Amino acid sequence: MDFINDICKSLPIADTTRHLAVLLMDHFMDRYSIMDFRLKLVALTCLLIAAKLEDKDDNLPTISQLKNLAKLNNMDDYNLECFHKMELSLMK
């Protein structure tokens, strides 16, 4: 997904993290129908989970970094609770 690639260019994360984020998103989208306005929240949360699994602790993006990147990409202003709820949904 182009969006994930664009976000990854702004963060010091490994290529394996990007690939895992796309894989997680693909699996999630196979199971659920996602409304367009939630699609980028899903992508950002997949990236967050992938980074937690693949990257070094000092390279992990924070939710505030992801929120700022979302704002730069003209996205809704997702709050901390949105990220936490989506993370729980993705981990089911």
PDB file of N, CA and C in Angstrom:
ATOM      1  N   MET A   1       0.849  -1.174   0.000  1.00  0.00           N
ATOM      2  CA  MET A   1       0.000   0.000   0.000  1.00  0.00           C
ATOM      3  C   MET A   1       0.894   1.237   0.000  1.00  0.00           C
ATOM      4  N   ASP A   2       0.583   2.164  -0.868  1.00  0.00           N
ATOM      5  CA  ASP A   2       1.378   3.385  -0.999  1.00  0.00           C
ATOM      6  C   ASP A   2       1.419   4.191   0.294  1.00  0.00           C
ATOM      7  N   PHE A   3       0.289   4.222   0.996  1.00  0.00           N
ATOM      8  CA  PHE A   3       0.234   5.000   2.233  1.00  0.00           C
ATOM      9  C   PHE A   3       1.251   4.494   3.251  1.00  0.00           C
ATOM     10  N   ILE A   4       1.320   3.190   3.438  1.00  0.00           N
ATOM     11  CA  ILE A   4       2.277   2.619   4.391  1.00  0.00           C
ATOM     12  C   ILE A   4       3.706   2.931   3.946  1.00  0.00           C
ATOM     13  N   ASN A   5       3.981   2.807   2.658  1.00  0.00           N
ATOM     14  CA  ASN A   5       5.318   3.144   2.157  1.00  0.00           C
ATOM     15  C   ASN A   5       5.674   4.599   2.429  1.00  0.00           C
ATOM     16  N   ASP A   6       4.724   5.498   2.205  1.00  0.00           N
ATOM     17  CA  ASP A   6       4.975   6.925   2.456  1.00  0.00           C
ATOM     18  C   ASP A   6       5.260   7.195   3.928  1.00  0.00           C
ATOM     19  N   ILE A   7       4.497   6.571   4.802  1.00  0.00           N
ATOM     20  CA  ILE A   7       4.703   6.758   6.244  1.00  0.00           C
ATOM     21  C   ILE A   7       6.064   6.190   6.650  1.00  0.00           C
ATOM     22  N   CYS A   8       6.423   5.044   6.104  1.00  0.00           N
ATOM     23  CA  CYS A   8       7.696   4.404   6.450  1.00  0.00           C
ATOM     24  C   CYS A   8       8.893   5.252   6.053  1.00  0.00           C
ATOM     25  N   LYS A   9       8.759   6.045   5.014  1.00  0.00           N
ATOM     26  CA  LYS A   9       9.848   6.934   4.605  1.00  0.00           C
ATOM     27  C   LYS A   9      10.137   7.995   5.662  1.00  0.00           C
ATOM     28  N   SER A  10       9.140   8.298   6.485  1.00  0.00           N
ATOM     29  CA  SER A  10       9.284   9.320   7.521  1.00  0.00           C
ATOM     30  C   SER A  10       9.756   8.759   8.861  1.00  0.00           C
ATOM     31  N   LEU A  11       9.889   7.440   8.941  1.00  0.00           N
ATOM     32  CA  LEU A  11      10.245   6.793  10.205  1.00  0.00           C
ATOM     33  C   LEU A  11      11.487   5.920  10.034  1.00  0.00           C
ATOM     34  N   PRO A  12      12.291   5.788  11.089  1.00  0.00           N
ATOM     35  CA  PRO A  12      13.500   4.953  11.005  1.00  0.00           C
ATOM     36  C   PRO A  12      13.204   3.479  11.293  1.00  0.00           C
ATOM     37  N   ILE A  13      12.380   2.869  10.454  1.00  0.00           N
ATOM     38  CA  ILE A  13      12.010   1.477  10.708  1.00  0.00           C
ATOM     39  C   ILE A  13      12.553   0.574   9.610  1.00  0.00           C
ATOM     40  N   ALA A  14      12.648  -0.699   9.919  1.00  0.00           N
ATOM     41  CA  ALA A  14      13.224  -1.687   9.005  1.00  0.00           C
ATOM     42  C   ALA A  14      12.239  -2.047   7.895  1.00  0.00           C
ATOM     43  N   ASP A  15      12.783  -2.525   6.786  1.00  0.00           N
ATOM     44  CA  ASP A  15      11.944  -2.982   5.675  1.00  0.00           C
ATOM     45  C   ASP A  15      11.040  -4.131   6.098  1.00  0.00           C
ATOM     46  N   THR A  16      11.548  -4.990   6.973  1.00  0.00           N
ATOM     47  CA  THR A  16      10.731  -6.119   7.433  1.00  0.00           C
ATOM     48  C   THR A  16       9.495  -5.635   8.183  1.00  0.00           C
ATOM     49  N   THR A  17       9.618  -4.498   8.853  1.00  0.00           N
ATOM     50  CA  THR A  17       8.479  -3.926   9.562  1.00  0.00           C
ATOM     51  C   THR A  17       7.406  -3.499   8.570  1.00  0.00           C
ATOM     52  N   ARG A  18       7.826  -2.858   7.501  1.00  0.00           N
ATOM     53  CA  ARG A  18       6.883  -2.422   6.465  1.00  0.00           C
ATOM     54  C   ARG A  18       6.177  -3.629   5.845  1.00  0.00           C
ATOM     55  N   HIS A  19       6.938  -4.658   5.548  1.00  0.00           N
ATOM     56  CA  HIS A  19       6.354  -5.860   4.942  1.00  0.00           C
ATOM     57  C   HIS A  19       5.368  -6.535   5.894  1.00  0.00           C
ATOM     58  N   LEU A  20       5.724  -6.613   7.162  1.00  0.00           N
ATOM     59  CA  LEU A  20       4.828  -7.213   8.148  1.00  0.00           C
ATOM     60  C   LEU A  20       3.561  -6.374   8.308  1.00  0.00           C
ATOM     61  N   ALA A  21       3.681  -5.064   8.281  1.00  0.00           N
ATOM     62  CA  ALA A  21       2.509  -4.189   8.394  1.00  0.00           C
ATOM     63  C   ALA A  21       1.534  -4.434   7.244  1.00  0.00           C
ATOM     64  N   VAL A  22       2.066  -4.569   6.036  1.00  0.00           N
ATOM     65  CA  VAL A  22       1.214  -4.849   4.879  1.00  0.00           C
ATOM     66  C   VAL A  22       0.556  -6.223   5.020  1.00  0.00           C
ATOM     67  N   LEU A  23       1.300  -7.205   5.482  1.00  0.00           N
ATOM     68  CA  LEU A  23       0.754  -8.546   5.689  1.00  0.00           C
ATOM     69  C   LEU A  23      -0.367  -8.537   6.734  1.00  0.00           C
ATOM     70  N   LEU A  24      -0.131  -7.853   7.852  1.00  0.00           N
ATOM     71  CA  LEU A  24      -1.160  -7.757   8.893  1.00  0.00           C
ATOM     72  C   LEU A  24      -2.418  -7.087   8.362  1.00  0.00           C
ATOM     73  N   MET A  25      -2.225  -6.032   7.592  1.00  0.00           N
ATOM     74  CA  MET A  25      -3.375  -5.323   7.037  1.00  0.00           C
ATOM     75  C   MET A  25      -4.133  -6.208   6.047  1.00  0.00           C
ATOM     76  N   ASP A  26      -3.409  -6.941   5.242  1.00  0.00           N
ATOM     77  CA  ASP A  26      -4.031  -7.838   4.271  1.00  0.00           C
ATOM     78  C   ASP A  26      -4.872  -8.899   4.969  1.00  0.00           C
ATOM     79  N   HIS A  27      -4.332  -9.499   6.016  1.00  0.00           N
ATOM     80  CA  HIS A  27      -5.073 -10.519   6.760  1.00  0.00           C
ATOM     81  C   HIS A  27      -6.310  -9.926   7.434  1.00  0.00           C
ATOM     82  N   PHE A  28      -6.178  -8.725   7.982  1.00  0.00           N
ATOM     83  CA  PHE A  28      -7.300  -8.084   8.653  1.00  0.00           C
ATOM     84  C   PHE A  28      -8.407  -7.755   7.645  1.00  0.00           C
ATOM     85  N   MET A  29      -8.002  -7.248   6.486  1.00  0.00           N
ATOM     86  CA  MET A  29      -8.988  -6.874   5.469  1.00  0.00           C
ATOM     87  C   MET A  29      -9.671  -8.093   4.858  1.00  0.00           C
ATOM     88  N   ASP A  30      -9.031  -9.245   4.904  1.00  0.00           N
ATOM     89  CA  ASP A  30      -9.673 -10.477   4.435  1.00  0.00           C
ATOM     90  C   ASP A  30     -10.830 -10.882   5.347  1.00  0.00           C
ATOM     91  N   ARG A  31     -10.732 -10.516   6.606  1.00  0.00           N
ATOM     92  CA  ARG A  31     -11.752 -10.917   7.582  1.00  0.00           C
ATOM     93  C   ARG A  31     -12.838  -9.878   7.812  1.00  0.00           C
ATOM     94  N   TYR A  32     -12.515  -8.598   7.599  1.00  0.00           N
ATOM     95  CA  TYR A  32     -13.448  -7.525   7.938  1.00  0.00           C
ATOM     96  C   TYR A  32     -13.636  -6.571   6.769  1.00  0.00           C
ATOM     97  N   SER A  33     -14.808  -5.990   6.734  1.00  0.00           N
ATOM     98  CA  SER A  33     -15.087  -4.927   5.773  1.00  0.00           C
ATOM     99  C   SER A  33     -14.759  -3.604   6.474  1.00  0.00           C
ATOM    100  N   ILE A  34     -13.876  -2.828   5.866  1.00  0.00           N
ATOM    101  CA  ILE A  34     -13.382  -1.612   6.513  1.00  0.00           C
ATOM    102  C   ILE A  34     -13.893  -0.394   5.758  1.00  0.00           C
ATOM    103  N   MET A  35     -14.496   0.523   6.494  1.00  0.00           N
ATOM    104  CA  MET A  35     -14.958   1.767   5.888  1.00  0.00           C
ATOM    105  C   MET A  35     -13.749   2.631   5.515  1.00  0.00           C
ATOM    106  N   ASP A  36     -13.901   3.389   4.452  1.00  0.00           N
ATOM    107  CA  ASP A  36     -12.794   4.188   3.932  1.00  0.00           C
ATOM    108  C   ASP A  36     -12.164   5.099   4.979  1.00  0.00           C
ATOM    109  N   PHE A  37     -12.980   5.709   5.829  1.00  0.00           N
ATOM    110  CA  PHE A  37     -12.426   6.653   6.798  1.00  0.00           C
ATOM    111  C   PHE A  37     -11.611   5.953   7.890  1.00  0.00           C
ATOM    112  N   ARG A  38     -11.720   4.643   8.011  1.00  0.00           N
ATOM    113  CA  ARG A  38     -10.945   3.873   8.988  1.00  0.00           C
ATOM    114  C   ARG A  38      -9.715   3.202   8.378  1.00  0.00           C
ATOM    115  N   LEU A  39      -9.625   3.197   7.068  1.00  0.00           N
ATOM    116  CA  LEU A  39      -8.577   2.454   6.388  1.00  0.00           C
ATOM    117  C   LEU A  39      -7.172   2.898   6.802  1.00  0.00           C
ATOM    118  N   LYS A  40      -6.953   4.177   6.911  1.00  0.00           N
ATOM    119  CA  LYS A  40      -5.616   4.662   7.272  1.00  0.00           C
ATOM    120  C   LYS A  40      -5.320   4.429   8.754  1.00  0.00           C
ATOM    121  N   LEU A  41      -6.354   4.444   9.591  1.00  0.00           N
ATOM    122  CA  LEU A  41      -6.147   4.085  11.000  1.00  0.00           C
ATOM    123  C   LEU A  41      -5.710   2.625  11.092  1.00  0.00           C
ATOM    124  N   VAL A  42      -6.318   1.767  10.308  1.00  0.00           N
ATOM    125  CA  VAL A  42      -5.921   0.357  10.279  1.00  0.00           C
ATOM    126  C   VAL A  42      -4.465   0.245   9.831  1.00  0.00           C
ATOM    127  N   ALA A  43      -4.098   0.965   8.778  1.00  0.00           N
ATOM    128  CA  ALA A  43      -2.728   0.921   8.265  1.00  0.00           C
ATOM    129  C   ALA A  43      -1.725   1.393   9.311  1.00  0.00           C
ATOM    130  N   LEU A  44      -2.021   2.494   9.974  1.00  0.00           N
ATOM    131  CA  LEU A  44      -1.110   3.019  11.001  1.00  0.00           C
ATOM    132  C   LEU A  44      -0.981   2.057  12.175  1.00  0.00           C
ATOM    133  N   THR A  45      -2.078   1.448  12.566  1.00  0.00           N
ATOM    134  CA  THR A  45      -2.044   0.512  13.679  1.00  0.00           C
ATOM    135  C   THR A  45      -1.297  -0.769  13.301  1.00  0.00           C
ATOM    136  N   CYS A  46      -1.459  -1.222  12.067  1.00  0.00           N
ATOM    137  CA  CYS A  46      -0.684  -2.378  11.592  1.00  0.00           C
ATOM    138  C   CYS A  46       0.802  -2.056  11.621  1.00  0.00           C
ATOM    139  N   LEU A  47       1.147  -0.848  11.239  1.00  0.00           N
ATOM    140  CA  LEU A  47       2.544  -0.420  11.280  1.00  0.00           C
ATOM    141  C   LEU A  47       3.061  -0.386  12.716  1.00  0.00           C
ATOM    142  N   LEU A  48       2.249   0.083  13.632  1.00  0.00           N
ATOM    143  CA  LEU A  48       2.632   0.129  15.040  1.00  0.00           C
ATOM    144  C   LEU A  48       2.873  -1.281  15.591  1.00  0.00           C
ATOM    145  N   ILE A  49       1.965  -2.204  15.297  1.00  0.00           N
ATOM    146  CA  ILE A  49       2.115  -3.584  15.761  1.00  0.00           C
ATOM    147  C   ILE A  49       3.353  -4.224  15.137  1.00  0.00           C
ATOM    148  N   ALA A  50       3.529  -4.028  13.840  1.00  0.00           N
ATOM    149  CA  ALA A  50       4.690  -4.601  13.152  1.00  0.00           C
ATOM    150  C   ALA A  50       5.990  -4.068  13.745  1.00  0.00           C
ATOM    151  N   ALA A  51       6.025  -2.788  14.066  1.00  0.00           N
ATOM    152  CA  ALA A  51       7.231  -2.193  14.659  1.00  0.00           C
ATOM    153  C   ALA A  51       7.504  -2.788  16.034  1.00  0.00           C
ATOM    154  N   LYS A  52       6.456  -3.028  16.792  1.00  0.00           N
ATOM    155  CA  LYS A  52       6.635  -3.638  18.113  1.00  0.00           C
ATOM    156  C   LYS A  52       7.236  -5.035  18.002  1.00  0.00           C
ATOM    157  N   LEU A  53       6.913  -5.726  16.925  1.00  0.00           N
ATOM    158  CA  LEU A  53       7.407  -7.088  16.741  1.00  0.00           C
ATOM    159  C   LEU A  53       8.771  -7.152  16.068  1.00  0.00           C
ATOM    160  N   GLU A  54       9.071  -6.225  15.181  1.00  0.00           N
ATOM    161  CA  GLU A  54      10.252  -6.330  14.329  1.00  0.00           C
ATOM    162  C   GLU A  54      11.386  -5.359  14.640  1.00  0.00           C
ATOM    163  N   ASP A  55      11.066  -4.181  15.137  1.00  0.00           N
ATOM    164  CA  ASP A  55      12.089  -3.139  15.271  1.00  0.00           C
ATOM    165  C   ASP A  55      12.697  -3.078  16.661  1.00  0.00           C
ATOM    166  N   LYS A  56      13.823  -2.399  16.720  1.00  0.00           N
ATOM    167  CA  LYS A  56      14.470  -2.134  18.003  1.00  0.00           C
ATOM    168  C   LYS A  56      13.619  -1.127  18.770  1.00  0.00           C
ATOM    169  N   ASP A  57      13.706  -1.175  20.083  1.00  0.00           N
ATOM    170  CA  ASP A  57      12.892  -0.293  20.914  1.00  0.00           C
ATOM    171  C   ASP A  57      13.086   1.179  20.589  1.00  0.00           C
ATOM    172  N   ASP A  58      14.303   1.581  20.272  1.00  0.00           N
ATOM    173  CA  ASP A  58      14.541   2.994  20.005  1.00  0.00           C
ATOM    174  C   ASP A  58      14.034   3.429  18.628  1.00  0.00           C
ATOM    175  N   ASN A  59      13.582   2.486  17.795  1.00  0.00           N
ATOM    176  CA  ASN A  59      13.013   2.825  16.496  1.00  0.00           C
ATOM    177  C   ASN A  59      11.491   2.764  16.472  1.00  0.00           C
ATOM    178  N   LEU A  60      10.891   2.367  17.587  1.00  0.00           N
ATOM    179  CA  LEU A  60       9.433   2.247  17.618  1.00  0.00           C
ATOM    180  C   LEU A  60       8.778   3.614  17.456  1.00  0.00           C
ATOM    181  N   PRO A  61       7.830   3.718  16.523  1.00  0.00           N
ATOM    182  CA  PRO A  61       7.110   4.988  16.413  1.00  0.00           C
ATOM    183  C   PRO A  61       6.149   5.131  17.591  1.00  0.00           C
ATOM    184  N   THR A  62       5.995   6.326  18.050  1.00  0.00           N
ATOM    185  CA  THR A  62       5.018   6.585  19.111  1.00  0.00           C
ATOM    186  C   THR A  62       3.673   6.877  18.465  1.00  0.00           C
ATOM    187  N   ILE A  63       2.634   6.754  19.251  1.00  0.00           N
ATOM    188  CA  ILE A  63       1.303   7.072  18.720  1.00  0.00           C
ATOM    189  C   ILE A  63       1.235   8.547  18.357  1.00  0.00           C
ATOM    190  N   SER A  64       1.894   9.407  19.116  1.00  0.00           N
ATOM    191  CA  SER A  64       1.878  10.836  18.770  1.00  0.00           C
ATOM    192  C   SER A  64       2.586  11.093  17.441  1.00  0.00           C
ATOM    193  N   GLN A  65       3.663  10.354  17.146  1.00  0.00           N
ATOM    194  CA  GLN A  65       4.317  10.480  15.843  1.00  0.00           C
ATOM    195  C   GLN A  65       3.363  10.042  14.735  1.00  0.00           C
ATOM    196  N   LEU A  66       2.682   8.936  14.942  1.00  0.00           N
ATOM    197  CA  LEU A  66       1.740   8.447  13.941  1.00  0.00           C
ATOM    198  C   LEU A  66       0.582   9.418  13.756  1.00  0.00           C
ATOM    199  N   LYS A  67       0.108  10.007  14.851  1.00  0.00           N
ATOM    200  CA  LYS A  67      -0.960  11.001  14.758  1.00  0.00           C
ATOM    201  C   LYS A  67      -0.499  12.210  13.952  1.00  0.00           C
ATOM    202  N   ASN A  68       0.735  12.665  14.191  1.00  0.00           N
ATOM    203  CA  ASN A  68       1.256  13.811  13.441  1.00  0.00           C
ATOM    204  C   ASN A  68       1.396  13.487  11.959  1.00  0.00           C
ATOM    205  N   LEU A  69       1.861  12.283  11.649  1.00  0.00           N
ATOM    206  CA  LEU A  69       1.969  11.872  10.251  1.00  0.00           C
ATOM    207  C   LEU A  69       0.589  11.767   9.610  1.00  0.00           C
ATOM    208  N   ALA A  70      -0.385  11.352  10.387  1.00  0.00           N
ATOM    209  CA  ALA A  70      -1.754  11.278   9.879  1.00  0.00           C
ATOM    210  C   ALA A  70      -2.278  12.671   9.547  1.00  0.00           C
ATOM    211  N   LYS A  71      -1.992  13.629  10.402  1.00  0.00           N
ATOM    212  CA  LYS A  71      -2.424  15.009  10.144  1.00  0.00           C
ATOM    213  C   LYS A  71      -1.763  15.560   8.888  1.00  0.00           C
ATOM    214  N   LEU A  72      -0.485  15.255   8.689  1.00  0.00           N
ATOM    215  CA  LEU A  72       0.218  15.715   7.491  1.00  0.00           C
ATOM    216  C   LEU A  72      -0.384  15.123   6.220  1.00  0.00           C
ATOM    217  N   ASN A  73      -1.020  13.975   6.347  1.00  0.00           N
ATOM    218  CA  ASN A  73      -1.643  13.313   5.204  1.00  0.00           C
ATOM    219  C   ASN A  73      -3.148  13.593   5.137  1.00  0.00           C
ATOM    220  N   ASN A  74      -3.567  14.690   5.767  1.00  0.00           N
ATOM    221  CA  ASN A  74      -4.967  15.142   5.732  1.00  0.00           C
ATOM    222  C   ASN A  74      -5.946  14.081   6.214  1.00  0.00           C
ATOM    223  N   MET A  75      -5.566  13.403   7.276  1.00  0.00           N
ATOM    224  CA  MET A  75      -6.434  12.374   7.837  1.00  0.00           C
ATOM    225  C   MET A  75      -7.173  12.928   9.042  1.00  0.00           C
ATOM    226  N   ASP A  76      -8.177  12.174   9.455  1.00  0.00           N
ATOM    227  CA  ASP A  76      -8.872  12.518  10.684  1.00  0.00           C
ATOM    228  C   ASP A  76      -7.890  12.526  11.839  1.00  0.00           C
ATOM    229  N   ASP A  77      -8.236  13.270  12.864  1.00  0.00           N
ATOM    230  CA  ASP A  77      -7.388  13.324  14.046  1.00  0.00           C
ATOM    231  C   ASP A  77      -7.765  12.162  14.969  1.00  0.00           C
ATOM    232  N   TYR A  78      -7.076  11.052  14.808  1.00  0.00           N
ATOM    233  CA  TYR A  78      -7.342   9.886  15.636  1.00  0.00           C
ATOM    234  C   TYR A  78      -6.744  10.091  17.015  1.00  0.00           C
ATOM    235  N   ASN A  79      -7.492   9.711  18.042  1.00  0.00           N
ATOM    236  CA  ASN A  79      -6.977   9.858  19.396  1.00  0.00           C
ATOM    237  C   ASN A  79      -6.382   8.540  19.886  1.00  0.00           C
ATOM    238  N   LEU A  80      -5.817   8.587  21.062  1.00  0.00           N
ATOM    239  CA  LEU A  80      -5.153   7.425  21.655  1.00  0.00           C
ATOM    240  C   LEU A  80      -6.112   6.238  21.768  1.00  0.00           C
ATOM    241  N   GLU A  81      -7.336   6.505  22.148  1.00  0.00           N
ATOM    242  CA  GLU A  81      -8.328   5.437  22.303  1.00  0.00           C
ATOM    243  C   GLU A  81      -8.610   4.746  20.961  1.00  0.00           C
ATOM    244  N   CYS A  82      -8.644   5.511  19.874  1.00  0.00           N
ATOM    245  CA  CYS A  82      -8.851   4.913  18.542  1.00  0.00           C
ATOM    246  C   CYS A  82      -7.747   3.917  18.221  1.00  0.00           C
ATOM    247  N   PHE A  83      -6.500   4.308  18.506  1.00  0.00           N
ATOM    248  CA  PHE A  83      -5.373   3.414  18.244  1.00  0.00           C
ATOM    249  C   PHE A  83      -5.446   2.160  19.111  1.00  0.00           C
ATOM    250  N   HIS A  84      -5.782   2.337  20.384  1.00  0.00           N
ATOM    251  CA  HIS A  84      -5.848   1.184  21.286  1.00  0.00           C
ATOM    252  C   HIS A  84      -6.962   0.218  20.882  1.00  0.00           C
ATOM    253  N   LYS A  85      -8.129   0.742  20.532  1.00  0.00           N
ATOM    254  CA  LYS A  85      -9.236  -0.112  20.112  1.00  0.00           C
ATOM    255  C   LYS A  85      -8.913  -0.854  18.826  1.00  0.00           C
ATOM    256  N   MET A  86      -8.273  -0.140  17.888  1.00  0.00           N
ATOM    257  CA  MET A  86      -7.916  -0.790  16.623  1.00  0.00           C
ATOM    258  C   MET A  86      -6.842  -1.845  16.859  1.00  0.00           C
ATOM    259  N   GLU A  87      -5.905  -1.574  17.746  1.00  0.00           N
ATOM    260  CA  GLU A  87      -4.863  -2.561  18.049  1.00  0.00           C
ATOM    261  C   GLU A  87      -5.485  -3.828  18.625  1.00  0.00           C
ATOM    262  N   LEU A  88      -6.443  -3.677  19.514  1.00  0.00           N
ATOM    263  CA  LEU A  88      -7.128  -4.843  20.070  1.00  0.00           C
ATOM    264  C   LEU A  88      -7.889  -5.606  18.989  1.00  0.00           C
ATOM    265  N   SER A  89      -8.533  -4.891  18.090  1.00  0.00           N
ATOM    266  CA  SER A  89      -9.266  -5.539  16.998  1.00  0.00           C
ATOM    267  C   SER A  89      -8.321  -6.316  16.082  1.00  0.00           C
ATOM    268  N   LEU A  90      -7.182  -5.748  15.818  1.00  0.00           N
ATOM    269  CA  LEU A  90      -6.211  -6.406  14.942  1.00  0.00           C
ATOM    270  C   LEU A  90      -5.603  -7.650  15.578  1.00  0.00           C
ATOM    271  N   MET A  91      -5.508  -7.661  16.876  1.00  0.00           N
ATOM    272  CA  MET A  91      -4.863  -8.777  17.569  1.00  0.00           C
ATOM    273  C   MET A  91      -5.817  -9.942  17.831  1.00  0.00           C
ATOM    274  N   LYS A  92      -7.090  -9.800  17.497  1.00  0.00           N
ATOM    275  CA  LYS A  92      -8.047 -10.893  17.701  1.00  0.00           C
ATOM    276  C   LYS A  92      -7.788 -12.019  16.749  1.00  0.00           C
TER     277      LYS A  92
END
